[in-house]
Amino acid sequence: MIRTVNVQEITKNVKEMCIEANHFLSPDMEKAMKKAALSEESQVGKKILEQLLENLHIAGNDTIPICQDTGMAVVFLEVGQDVHLEGGNLEDAVNEGIRQGYVEGYLRKSVVSDPLIRENTKDNTPGIIHYKIVQGDKVVIKVAPKGFGSENMSRVFMLKPADGIEGVKKAVLDAVADAGPNACPPMVVGVGIGGTFEKCAVMAKEALTREVGEHSDIPYVKQMEEELLEKINGLGIGPGGLGGRTTAIAVNIDTYPTHIAGLPVAVNICCHVNRHVVRAI
């Protein structure tokens, strides 16, 4: 049975989600940060984590952004094939939601209309929008504003198949080590393995929206997530890059079939706020 959804509902929800994501830490990240503050062995690292938690508490209470870089809005849409959208263009509706959220929410506008001319669009549009057509009659929206301190530290590696799992692990560790303090640790590390050059990058970005503590249901991937988290936290970068064992909160890995001649790997790093909000309408 076909279900009709007016795109104004998409606009309304995206607007609210942009504001929510930029003012309130998601429950999974808050829980992980509190746990990290209790377990961090470095006194400096522990103090930084406590200060970050205090900052997040103030932001939520006073409705101010949890980070001054309110990011470029990244939106993942899963549109049920039994949904009929009416009332306008879907992409325009999403961008209108971003515009309203950033203007009415008094969020920093960081998007420029051309990558080289660099004139600010003054409303943080357009966003980066990814679409999937799925079964059902719902529209699932994931809004993940991405700051560029961490985004600039992200990498794509076109490995050889012979590099195998050890080559993948090395690539992830190299990317995190190279990022050091620049990605505002403690970080969440999203990894995409397989597909093509662009597919692995999109997977790595969407992996950041997975709840902290929720692992891949593929046994070897789950094992790799746990092993990489331990090794990353052994690098000694620590909170704020000032030392300690809490360099990363989570490593989330997604995989996809690939060509016999390739092994694409993307590492998309996110800072300690790792903003993400998910809704189904």
C-alpha atoms as a PDB file:
ATOM      1  CA  MET A   1       0.000   0.000   0.000  1.00  0.00           C
ATOM      2  CA  ILE A   2       1.357   3.398  -0.983  1.00  0.00           C
ATOM      3  CA  ARG A   3       1.839   5.970   1.776  1.00  0.00           C
ATOM      4  CA  THR A   4       1.940   9.664   0.861  1.00  0.00           C
ATOM      5  CA  VAL A   5       4.410  12.000   2.547  1.00  0.00           C
ATOM      6  CA  ASN A   6       4.523  15.728   1.881  1.00  0.00           C
ATOM      7  CA  VAL A   7       8.086  16.971   1.466  1.00  0.00           C
ATOM      8  CA  GLN A   8       7.289  19.748   3.959  1.00  0.00           C
ATOM      9  CA  GLU A   9       7.573  16.996   6.596  1.00  0.00           C
ATOM     10  CA  ILE A  10      11.086  16.312   5.373  1.00  0.00           C
ATOM     11  CA  THR A  11      11.945  20.016   5.631  1.00  0.00           C
ATOM     12  CA  LYS A  12      10.501  20.291   9.148  1.00  0.00           C
ATOM     13  CA  ASN A  13      12.404  17.259  10.432  1.00  0.00           C
ATOM     14  CA  VAL A  14      15.716  18.171   8.815  1.00  0.00           C
ATOM     15  CA  LYS A  15      15.476  21.659  10.318  1.00  0.00           C
ATOM     16  CA  GLU A  16      14.852  20.257  13.808  1.00  0.00           C
ATOM     17  CA  MET A  17      17.574  17.633  13.425  1.00  0.00           C
ATOM     18  CA  CYS A  18      20.193  20.198  12.362  1.00  0.00           C
ATOM     19  CA  ILE A  19      19.459  22.227  15.482  1.00  0.00           C
ATOM     20  CA  GLU A  20      19.333  19.161  17.752  1.00  0.00           C
ATOM     21  CA  ALA A  21      22.564  17.657  16.413  1.00  0.00           C
ATOM     22  CA  ASN A  22      24.466  20.896  16.938  1.00  0.00           C
ATOM     23  CA  HIS A  23      23.242  21.555  20.478  1.00  0.00           C
ATOM     24  CA  PHE A  24      22.969  18.155  22.141  1.00  0.00           C
ATOM     25  CA  LEU A  25      25.391  15.261  22.233  1.00  0.00           C
ATOM     26  CA  SER A  26      23.728  11.990  21.195  1.00  0.00           C
ATOM     27  CA  PRO A  27      22.995   9.641  24.137  1.00  0.00           C
ATOM     28  CA  ASP A  28      25.438   6.975  22.917  1.00  0.00           C
ATOM     29  CA  MET A  29      28.296   9.492  22.673  1.00  0.00           C
ATOM     30  CA  GLU A  30      27.489  11.012  26.074  1.00  0.00           C
ATOM     31  CA  LYS A  31      27.532   7.567  27.695  1.00  0.00           C
ATOM     32  CA  ALA A  32      30.848   6.709  26.011  1.00  0.00           C
ATOM     33  CA  MET A  33      32.445  10.021  27.011  1.00  0.00           C
ATOM     34  CA  LYS A  34      31.426   9.568  30.666  1.00  0.00           C
ATOM     35  CA  LYS A  35      32.815   6.032  30.640  1.00  0.00           C
ATOM     36  CA  ALA A  36      36.069   7.305  29.108  1.00  0.00           C
ATOM     37  CA  ALA A  37      36.415  10.021  31.761  1.00  0.00           C
ATOM     38  CA  LEU A  38      36.173   7.379  34.489  1.00  0.00           C
ATOM     39  CA  SER A  39      38.638   4.955  32.907  1.00  0.00           C
ATOM     40  CA  GLU A  40      41.275   7.347  31.509  1.00  0.00           C
ATOM     41  CA  GLU A  41      44.584   6.756  33.311  1.00  0.00           C
ATOM     42  CA  SER A  42      46.289  10.016  32.337  1.00  0.00           C
ATOM     43  CA  GLN A  43      45.434  12.814  34.755  1.00  0.00           C
ATOM     44  CA  VAL A  44      45.728  15.393  31.981  1.00  0.00           C
ATOM     45  CA  GLY A  45      43.567  13.252  29.698  1.00  0.00           C
ATOM     46  CA  LYS A  46      40.982  12.759  32.447  1.00  0.00           C
ATOM     47  CA  LYS A  47      40.851  16.521  33.086  1.00  0.00           C
ATOM     48  CA  ILE A  48      40.327  17.232  29.381  1.00  0.00           C
ATOM     49  CA  LEU A  49      37.495  14.689  29.179  1.00  0.00           C
ATOM     50  CA  GLU A  50      35.853  16.252  32.235  1.00  0.00           C
ATOM     51  CA  GLN A  51      36.154  19.707  30.639  1.00  0.00           C
ATOM     52  CA  LEU A  52      34.644  18.416  27.387  1.00  0.00           C
ATOM     53  CA  LEU A  53      31.728  16.928  29.327  1.00  0.00           C
ATOM     54  CA  GLU A  54      31.241  20.212  31.176  1.00  0.00           C
ATOM     55  CA  ASN A  55      31.237  22.064  27.846  1.00  0.00           C
ATOM     56  CA  LEU A  56      28.622  19.657  26.484  1.00  0.00           C
ATOM     57  CA  HIS A  57      26.482  20.103  29.600  1.00  0.00           C
ATOM     58  CA  ILE A  58      26.610  23.912  29.282  1.00  0.00           C
ATOM     59  CA  ALA A  59      25.782  23.723  25.571  1.00  0.00           C
ATOM     60  CA  GLY A  60      22.717  21.597  26.236  1.00  0.00           C
ATOM     61  CA  ASN A  61      21.463  23.727  29.127  1.00  0.00           C
ATOM     62  CA  ASP A  62      22.033  27.069  27.419  1.00  0.00           C
ATOM     63  CA  THR A  63      21.177  25.900  23.873  1.00  0.00           C
ATOM     64  CA  ILE A  64      24.480  26.913  22.341  1.00  0.00           C
ATOM     65  CA  PRO A  65      26.467  24.847  19.835  1.00  0.00           C
ATOM     66  CA  ILE A  66      28.536  21.991  21.230  1.00  0.00           C
ATOM     67  CA  CYS A  67      31.295  23.055  18.813  1.00  0.00           C
ATOM     68  CA  GLN A  68      31.945  26.383  17.110  1.00  0.00           C
ATOM     69  CA  ASP A  69      32.320  24.558  13.782  1.00  0.00           C
ATOM     70  CA  THR A  70      28.715  23.555  13.184  1.00  0.00           C
ATOM     71  CA  GLY A  71      29.803  21.658  10.116  1.00  0.00           C
ATOM     72  CA  MET A  72      28.586  20.977   6.634  1.00  0.00           C
ATOM     73  CA  ALA A  73      25.265  19.166   6.827  1.00  0.00           C
ATOM     74  CA  VAL A  74      25.470  15.564   5.638  1.00  0.00           C
ATOM     75  CA  VAL A  75      22.100  13.862   5.197  1.00  0.00           C
ATOM     76  CA  PHE A  76      21.445  10.176   4.549  1.00  0.00           C
ATOM     77  CA  LEU A  77      17.933   9.387   3.304  1.00  0.00           C
ATOM     78  CA  GLU A  78      16.468   5.880   3.183  1.00  0.00           C
ATOM     79  CA  VAL A  79      13.245   6.225   1.212  1.00  0.00           C
ATOM     80  CA  GLY A  80      10.803   3.338   1.311  1.00  0.00           C
ATOM     81  CA  GLN A  81       9.700   2.193  -2.126  1.00  0.00           C
ATOM     82  CA  ASP A  82       6.077   2.356  -0.952  1.00  0.00           C
ATOM     83  CA  VAL A  83       6.365   6.073  -0.172  1.00  0.00           C
ATOM     84  CA  HIS A  84       4.919   8.640  -2.555  1.00  0.00           C
ATOM     85  CA  LEU A  85       6.484  12.054  -2.015  1.00  0.00           C
ATOM     86  CA  GLU A  86       4.378  15.064  -2.921  1.00  0.00           C
ATOM     87  CA  GLY A  87       4.507  18.831  -2.592  1.00  0.00           C
ATOM     88  CA  GLY A  88       7.822  19.565  -4.282  1.00  0.00           C
ATOM     89  CA  ASN A  89      11.313  18.349  -5.000  1.00  0.00           C
ATOM     90  CA  LEU A  90      12.910  16.151  -2.326  1.00  0.00           C
ATOM     91  CA  GLU A  91      16.408  17.596  -2.635  1.00  0.00           C
ATOM     92  CA  ASP A  92      15.068  21.137  -2.433  1.00  0.00           C
ATOM     93  CA  ALA A  93      13.084  20.143   0.658  1.00  0.00           C
ATOM     94  CA  VAL A  94      16.182  18.767   2.394  1.00  0.00           C
ATOM     95  CA  ASN A  95      18.216  21.876   1.593  1.00  0.00           C
ATOM     96  CA  GLU A  96      15.367  24.086   2.800  1.00  0.00           C
ATOM     97  CA  GLY A  97      15.437  22.194   6.096  1.00  0.00           C
ATOM     98  CA  ILE A  98      19.182  22.781   6.367  1.00  0.00           C
ATOM     99  CA  ARG A  99      18.716  26.478   5.547  1.00  0.00           C
ATOM    100  CA  GLN A 100      16.000  26.936   8.167  1.00  0.00           C
ATOM    101  CA  GLY A 101      17.934  24.983  10.775  1.00  0.00           C
ATOM    102  CA  TYR A 102      21.142  26.937  10.377  1.00  0.00           C
ATOM    103  CA  VAL A 103      19.512  30.363  10.000  1.00  0.00           C
ATOM    104  CA  GLU A 104      16.841  30.025  12.702  1.00  0.00           C
ATOM    105  CA  GLY A 105      19.153  28.049  14.978  1.00  0.00           C
ATOM    106  CA  TYR A 106      21.851  30.762  14.727  1.00  0.00           C
ATOM    107  CA  LEU A 107      24.403  28.153  13.672  1.00  0.00           C
ATOM    108  CA  ARG A 108      27.652  29.084  11.940  1.00  0.00           C
ATOM    109  CA  LYS A 109      27.346  29.130   8.166  1.00  0.00           C
ATOM    110  CA  SER A 110      30.461  27.531   6.710  1.00  0.00           C
ATOM    111  CA  VAL A 111      29.535  26.561   3.145  1.00  0.00           C
ATOM    112  CA  VAL A 112      30.993  28.396   0.141  1.00  0.00           C
ATOM    113  CA  SER A 113      29.262  28.265  -3.244  1.00  0.00           C
ATOM    114  CA  ASP A 114      32.391  27.447  -5.234  1.00  0.00           C
ATOM    115  CA  PRO A 115      35.450  25.562  -3.952  1.00  0.00           C
ATOM    116  CA  LEU A 116      37.864  28.121  -5.443  1.00  0.00           C
ATOM    117  CA  ILE A 117      35.957  31.417  -5.586  1.00  0.00           C
ATOM    118  CA  ARG A 118      34.794  30.733  -2.010  1.00  0.00           C
ATOM    119  CA  GLU A 119      31.820  33.068  -1.571  1.00  0.00           C
ATOM    120  CA  ASN A 120      29.777  32.094   1.484  1.00  0.00           C
ATOM    121  CA  THR A 121      26.205  30.968   0.732  1.00  0.00           C
ATOM    122  CA  LYS A 122      25.126  32.521   4.069  1.00  0.00           C
ATOM    123  CA  ASP A 123      22.723  29.693   4.967  1.00  0.00           C
ATOM    124  CA  ASN A 124      24.990  26.607   5.029  1.00  0.00           C
ATOM    125  CA  THR A 125      23.399  25.135   1.917  1.00  0.00           C
ATOM    126  CA  PRO A 126      23.678  23.044  -0.073  1.00  0.00           C
ATOM    127  CA  GLY A 127      24.122  19.968   2.072  1.00  0.00           C
ATOM    128  CA  ILE A 128      25.642  16.648   1.071  1.00  0.00           C
ATOM    129  CA  ILE A 129      22.755  14.250   0.455  1.00  0.00           C
ATOM    130  CA  HIS A 130      22.927  10.471  -0.022  1.00  0.00           C
ATOM    131  CA  TYR A 131      19.891   8.444  -1.099  1.00  0.00           C
ATOM    132  CA  LYS A 132      18.864   4.799  -0.750  1.00  0.00           C
ATOM    133  CA  ILE A 133      15.641   3.227  -1.952  1.00  0.00           C
ATOM    134  CA  VAL A 134      14.615   0.549   0.547  1.00  0.00           C
ATOM    135  CA  GLN A 135      11.620  -1.624   1.339  1.00  0.00           C
ATOM    136  CA  GLY A 136       8.717  -0.239   3.318  1.00  0.00           C
ATOM    137  CA  ASP A 137       6.660   2.923   3.637  1.00  0.00           C
ATOM    138  CA  LYS A 138       8.931   5.012   5.874  1.00  0.00           C
ATOM    139  CA  VAL A 139      11.552   7.654   5.270  1.00  0.00           C
ATOM    140  CA  VAL A 140      14.563   7.336   7.566  1.00  0.00           C
ATOM    141  CA  ILE A 141      16.616  10.514   7.891  1.00  0.00           C
ATOM    142  CA  LYS A 142      20.123  10.657   9.309  1.00  0.00           C
ATOM    143  CA  VAL A 143      21.574  14.131   9.826  1.00  0.00           C
ATOM    144  CA  ALA A 144      25.297  14.247  10.592  1.00  0.00           C
ATOM    145  CA  PRO A 145      26.846  17.751  10.491  1.00  0.00           C
ATOM    146  CA  LYS A 146      30.559  17.283   9.794  1.00  0.00           C
ATOM    147  CA  GLY A 147      33.183  19.764  10.956  1.00  0.00           C
ATOM    148  CA  PHE A 148      36.243  20.074   8.795  1.00  0.00           C
ATOM    149  CA  GLY A 149      38.902  19.851  11.477  1.00  0.00           C
ATOM    150  CA  SER A 150      38.301  16.108  11.486  1.00  0.00           C
ATOM    151  CA  GLU A 151      37.090  15.885   7.878  1.00  0.00           C
ATOM    152  CA  ASN A 152      40.431  17.206   6.645  1.00  0.00           C
ATOM    153  CA  MET A 153      42.178  14.317   8.403  1.00  0.00           C
ATOM    154  CA  SER A 154      40.272  11.657   6.459  1.00  0.00           C
ATOM    155  CA  ARG A 155      41.910   9.413   3.865  1.00  0.00           C
ATOM    156  CA  VAL A 156      41.207   7.029   0.975  1.00  0.00           C
ATOM    157  CA  PHE A 157      43.650   4.206   0.254  1.00  0.00           C
ATOM    158  CA  MET A 158      43.528   2.158  -2.946  1.00  0.00           C
ATOM    159  CA  LEU A 159      45.257  -0.946  -1.615  1.00  0.00           C
ATOM    160  CA  LYS A 160      46.269  -4.059  -3.508  1.00  0.00           C
ATOM    161  CA  PRO A 161      44.274  -7.233  -2.789  1.00  0.00           C
ATOM    162  CA  ALA A 162      47.507  -8.838  -1.591  1.00  0.00           C
ATOM    163  CA  ASP A 163      47.703  -6.226   1.197  1.00  0.00           C
ATOM    164  CA  GLY A 164      44.841  -8.080   2.844  1.00  0.00           C
ATOM    165  CA  ILE A 165      43.498  -7.508   6.328  1.00  0.00           C
ATOM    166  CA  GLU A 166      46.878  -6.495   7.749  1.00  0.00           C
ATOM    167  CA  GLY A 167      47.201  -3.834   5.056  1.00  0.00           C
ATOM    168  CA  VAL A 168      43.768  -2.494   5.962  1.00  0.00           C
ATOM    169  CA  LYS A 169      44.672  -2.298   9.649  1.00  0.00           C
ATOM    170  CA  LYS A 170      47.916  -0.488   8.824  1.00  0.00           C
ATOM    171  CA  ALA A 171      46.062   2.033   6.650  1.00  0.00           C
ATOM    172  CA  VAL A 172      43.603   2.841   9.449  1.00  0.00           C
ATOM    173  CA  LEU A 173      46.346   3.183  12.057  1.00  0.00           C
ATOM    174  CA  ASP A 174      48.441   5.356   9.727  1.00  0.00           C
ATOM    175  CA  ALA A 175      45.473   7.653   9.084  1.00  0.00           C
ATOM    176  CA  VAL A 176      44.775   8.079  12.809  1.00  0.00           C
ATOM    177  CA  ALA A 177      48.447   8.564  13.681  1.00  0.00           C
ATOM    178  CA  ASP A 178      48.826  11.185  10.950  1.00  0.00           C
ATOM    179  CA  ALA A 179      45.711  12.988  12.205  1.00  0.00           C
ATOM    180  CA  GLY A 180      47.071  13.144  15.758  1.00  0.00           C
ATOM    181  CA  PRO A 181      45.523  16.016  17.710  1.00  0.00           C
ATOM    182  CA  ASN A 182      44.106  17.701  14.585  1.00  0.00           C
ATOM    183  CA  ALA A 183      40.922  15.623  14.588  1.00  0.00           C
ATOM    184  CA  CYS A 184      39.979  16.813  18.118  1.00  0.00           C
ATOM    185  CA  PRO A 185      40.271  13.473  19.940  1.00  0.00           C
ATOM    186  CA  PRO A 186      38.772  11.442  21.432  1.00  0.00           C
ATOM    187  CA  MET A 187      37.537  10.567  17.976  1.00  0.00           C
ATOM    188  CA  VAL A 188      35.204   8.118  16.305  1.00  0.00           C
ATOM    189  CA  VAL A 189      36.789   6.362  13.344  1.00  0.00           C
ATOM    190  CA  GLY A 190      34.534   5.367  10.452  1.00  0.00           C
ATOM    191  CA  VAL A 191      35.990   2.870   7.986  1.00  0.00           C
ATOM    192  CA  GLY A 192      34.637   1.721   4.627  1.00  0.00           C
ATOM    193  CA  ILE A 193      36.229  -1.317   2.983  1.00  0.00           C
ATOM    194  CA  GLY A 194      35.397  -2.471  -0.531  1.00  0.00           C
ATOM    195  CA  GLY A 195      33.235  -1.182  -3.334  1.00  0.00           C
ATOM    196  CA  THR A 196      34.933   1.519  -5.386  1.00  0.00           C
ATOM    197  CA  PHE A 197      36.807   4.763  -4.715  1.00  0.00           C
ATOM    198  CA  GLU A 198      33.609   6.678  -3.911  1.00  0.00           C
ATOM    199  CA  LYS A 199      31.633   3.808  -2.342  1.00  0.00           C
ATOM    200  CA  CYS A 200      34.165   3.160   0.422  1.00  0.00           C
ATOM    201  CA  ALA A 201      34.196   6.873   1.305  1.00  0.00           C
ATOM    202  CA  VAL A 202      30.410   7.048   1.644  1.00  0.00           C
ATOM    203  CA  MET A 203      30.438   3.889   3.776  1.00  0.00           C
ATOM    204  CA  ALA A 204      33.092   5.363   6.061  1.00  0.00           C
ATOM    205  CA  LYS A 205      31.013   8.520   6.523  1.00  0.00           C
ATOM    206  CA  GLU A 206      27.779   6.646   7.245  1.00  0.00           C
ATOM    207  CA  ALA A 207      29.602   4.303   9.645  1.00  0.00           C
ATOM    208  CA  LEU A 208      30.053   7.325  11.923  1.00  0.00           C
ATOM    209  CA  THR A 209      26.278   7.432  12.475  1.00  0.00           C
ATOM    210  CA  ARG A 210      26.230   3.929  13.972  1.00  0.00           C
ATOM    211  CA  GLU A 211      25.714   3.948  17.733  1.00  0.00           C
ATOM    212  CA  VAL A 212      28.863   3.676  19.822  1.00  0.00           C
ATOM    213  CA  GLY A 213      29.210   0.135  21.139  1.00  0.00           C
ATOM    214  CA  GLU A 214      27.174  -1.402  18.317  1.00  0.00           C
ATOM    215  CA  HIS A 215      29.483  -3.672  16.313  1.00  0.00           C
ATOM    216  CA  SER A 216      29.330  -5.154  12.835  1.00  0.00           C
ATOM    217  CA  ASP A 217      27.376  -8.414  12.649  1.00  0.00           C
ATOM    218  CA  ILE A 218      30.203  -9.931  10.567  1.00  0.00           C
ATOM    219  CA  PRO A 219      32.443 -11.759  13.077  1.00  0.00           C
ATOM    220  CA  TYR A 220      35.834 -10.907  11.538  1.00  0.00           C
ATOM    221  CA  VAL A 221      34.809  -7.256  11.087  1.00  0.00           C
ATOM    222  CA  LYS A 222      33.683  -7.040  14.729  1.00  0.00           C
ATOM    223  CA  GLN A 223      37.033  -8.486  15.772  1.00  0.00           C
ATOM    224  CA  MET A 224      38.860  -5.941  13.609  1.00  0.00           C
ATOM    225  CA  GLU A 225      36.846  -3.065  15.139  1.00  0.00           C
ATOM    226  CA  GLU A 226      37.827  -4.166  18.634  1.00  0.00           C
ATOM    227  CA  GLU A 227      41.479  -4.768  17.728  1.00  0.00           C
ATOM    228  CA  LEU A 228      41.857  -1.426  15.957  1.00  0.00           C
ATOM    229  CA  LEU A 229      40.244   0.463  18.849  1.00  0.00           C
ATOM    230  CA  GLU A 230      42.747  -1.095  21.233  1.00  0.00           C
ATOM    231  CA  LYS A 231      45.698  -0.312  18.953  1.00  0.00           C
ATOM    232  CA  ILE A 232      44.525   3.258  18.313  1.00  0.00           C
ATOM    233  CA  ASN A 233      44.201   3.830  22.049  1.00  0.00           C
ATOM    234  CA  GLY A 234      47.727   2.510  22.422  1.00  0.00           C
ATOM    235  CA  LEU A 235      49.123   5.268  20.194  1.00  0.00           C
ATOM    236  CA  GLY A 236      49.249   7.643  23.164  1.00  0.00           C
ATOM    237  CA  ILE A 237      47.600  10.582  21.365  1.00  0.00           C
ATOM    238  CA  GLY A 238      44.903  10.872  24.025  1.00  0.00           C
ATOM    239  CA  PRO A 239      42.188  13.476  24.677  1.00  0.00           C
ATOM    240  CA  GLY A 240      43.044  16.770  22.992  1.00  0.00           C
ATOM    241  CA  GLY A 241      46.237  15.172  21.698  1.00  0.00           C
ATOM    242  CA  LEU A 242      47.887  15.656  25.092  1.00  0.00           C
ATOM    243  CA  GLY A 243      48.443  12.013  25.949  1.00  0.00           C
ATOM    244  CA  GLY A 244      46.406   9.192  27.393  1.00  0.00           C
ATOM    245  CA  ARG A 245      44.617   6.041  26.340  1.00  0.00           C
ATOM    246  CA  THR A 246      41.372   7.589  25.110  1.00  0.00           C
ATOM    247  CA  THR A 247      42.332   8.503  21.562  1.00  0.00           C
ATOM    248  CA  ALA A 248      39.202   6.928  20.072  1.00  0.00           C
ATOM    249  CA  ILE A 249      35.768   6.149  21.448  1.00  0.00           C
ATOM    250  CA  ALA A 250      34.856   3.681  18.705  1.00  0.00           C
ATOM    251  CA  VAL A 251      35.928   2.193  15.384  1.00  0.00           C
ATOM    252  CA  ASN A 252      32.961   1.455  13.105  1.00  0.00           C
ATOM    253  CA  ILE A 253      33.653  -0.550   9.946  1.00  0.00           C
ATOM    254  CA  ASP A 254      31.333  -1.240   6.999  1.00  0.00           C
ATOM    255  CA  THR A 255      32.197  -3.495   4.058  1.00  0.00           C
ATOM    256  CA  TYR A 256      30.933  -4.045   0.509  1.00  0.00           C
ATOM    257  CA  PRO A 257      31.796  -6.384  -2.382  1.00  0.00           C
ATOM    258  CA  THR A 258      34.609  -5.142  -4.625  1.00  0.00           C
ATOM    259  CA  HIS A 259      36.507  -5.896  -7.847  1.00  0.00           C
ATOM    260  CA  ILE A 260      39.047  -8.746  -8.007  1.00  0.00           C
ATOM    261  CA  ALA A 261      41.819  -6.219  -8.702  1.00  0.00           C
ATOM    262  CA  GLY A 262      41.157  -3.779  -5.866  1.00  0.00           C
ATOM    263  CA  LEU A 263      40.889  -3.200  -2.134  1.00  0.00           C
ATOM    264  CA  PRO A 264      39.586   0.337  -1.531  1.00  0.00           C
ATOM    265  CA  VAL A 265      39.703   1.572   2.058  1.00  0.00           C
ATOM    266  CA  ALA A 266      38.391   4.902   3.372  1.00  0.00           C
ATOM    267  CA  VAL A 267      38.964   6.312   6.840  1.00  0.00           C
ATOM    268  CA  ASN A 268      36.603   9.104   7.864  1.00  0.00           C
ATOM    269  CA  ILE A 269      37.497  10.499  11.266  1.00  0.00           C
ATOM    270  CA  CYS A 270      35.099  12.442  13.455  1.00  0.00           C
ATOM    271  CA  CYS A 271      35.827  14.558  16.513  1.00  0.00           C
ATOM    272  CA  HIS A 272      34.543  13.936  20.043  1.00  0.00           C
ATOM    273  CA  VAL A 273      31.091  15.390  19.369  1.00  0.00           C
ATOM    274  CA  ASN A 274      30.383  13.003  16.435  1.00  0.00           C
ATOM    275  CA  ARG A 275      27.043  14.685  15.729  1.00  0.00           C
ATOM    276  CA  HIS A 276      24.286  12.438  14.425  1.00  0.00           C
ATOM    277  CA  VAL A 277      20.501  12.323  14.754  1.00  0.00           C
ATOM    278  CA  VAL A 278      18.255   9.630  13.256  1.00  0.00           C
ATOM    279  CA  ARG A 279      14.496   9.828  12.714  1.00  0.00           C
ATOM    280  CA  ALA A 280      11.928   7.773  10.837  1.00  0.00           C
ATOM    281  CA  ILE A 281       8.809   9.483   9.455  1.00  0.00           C
END
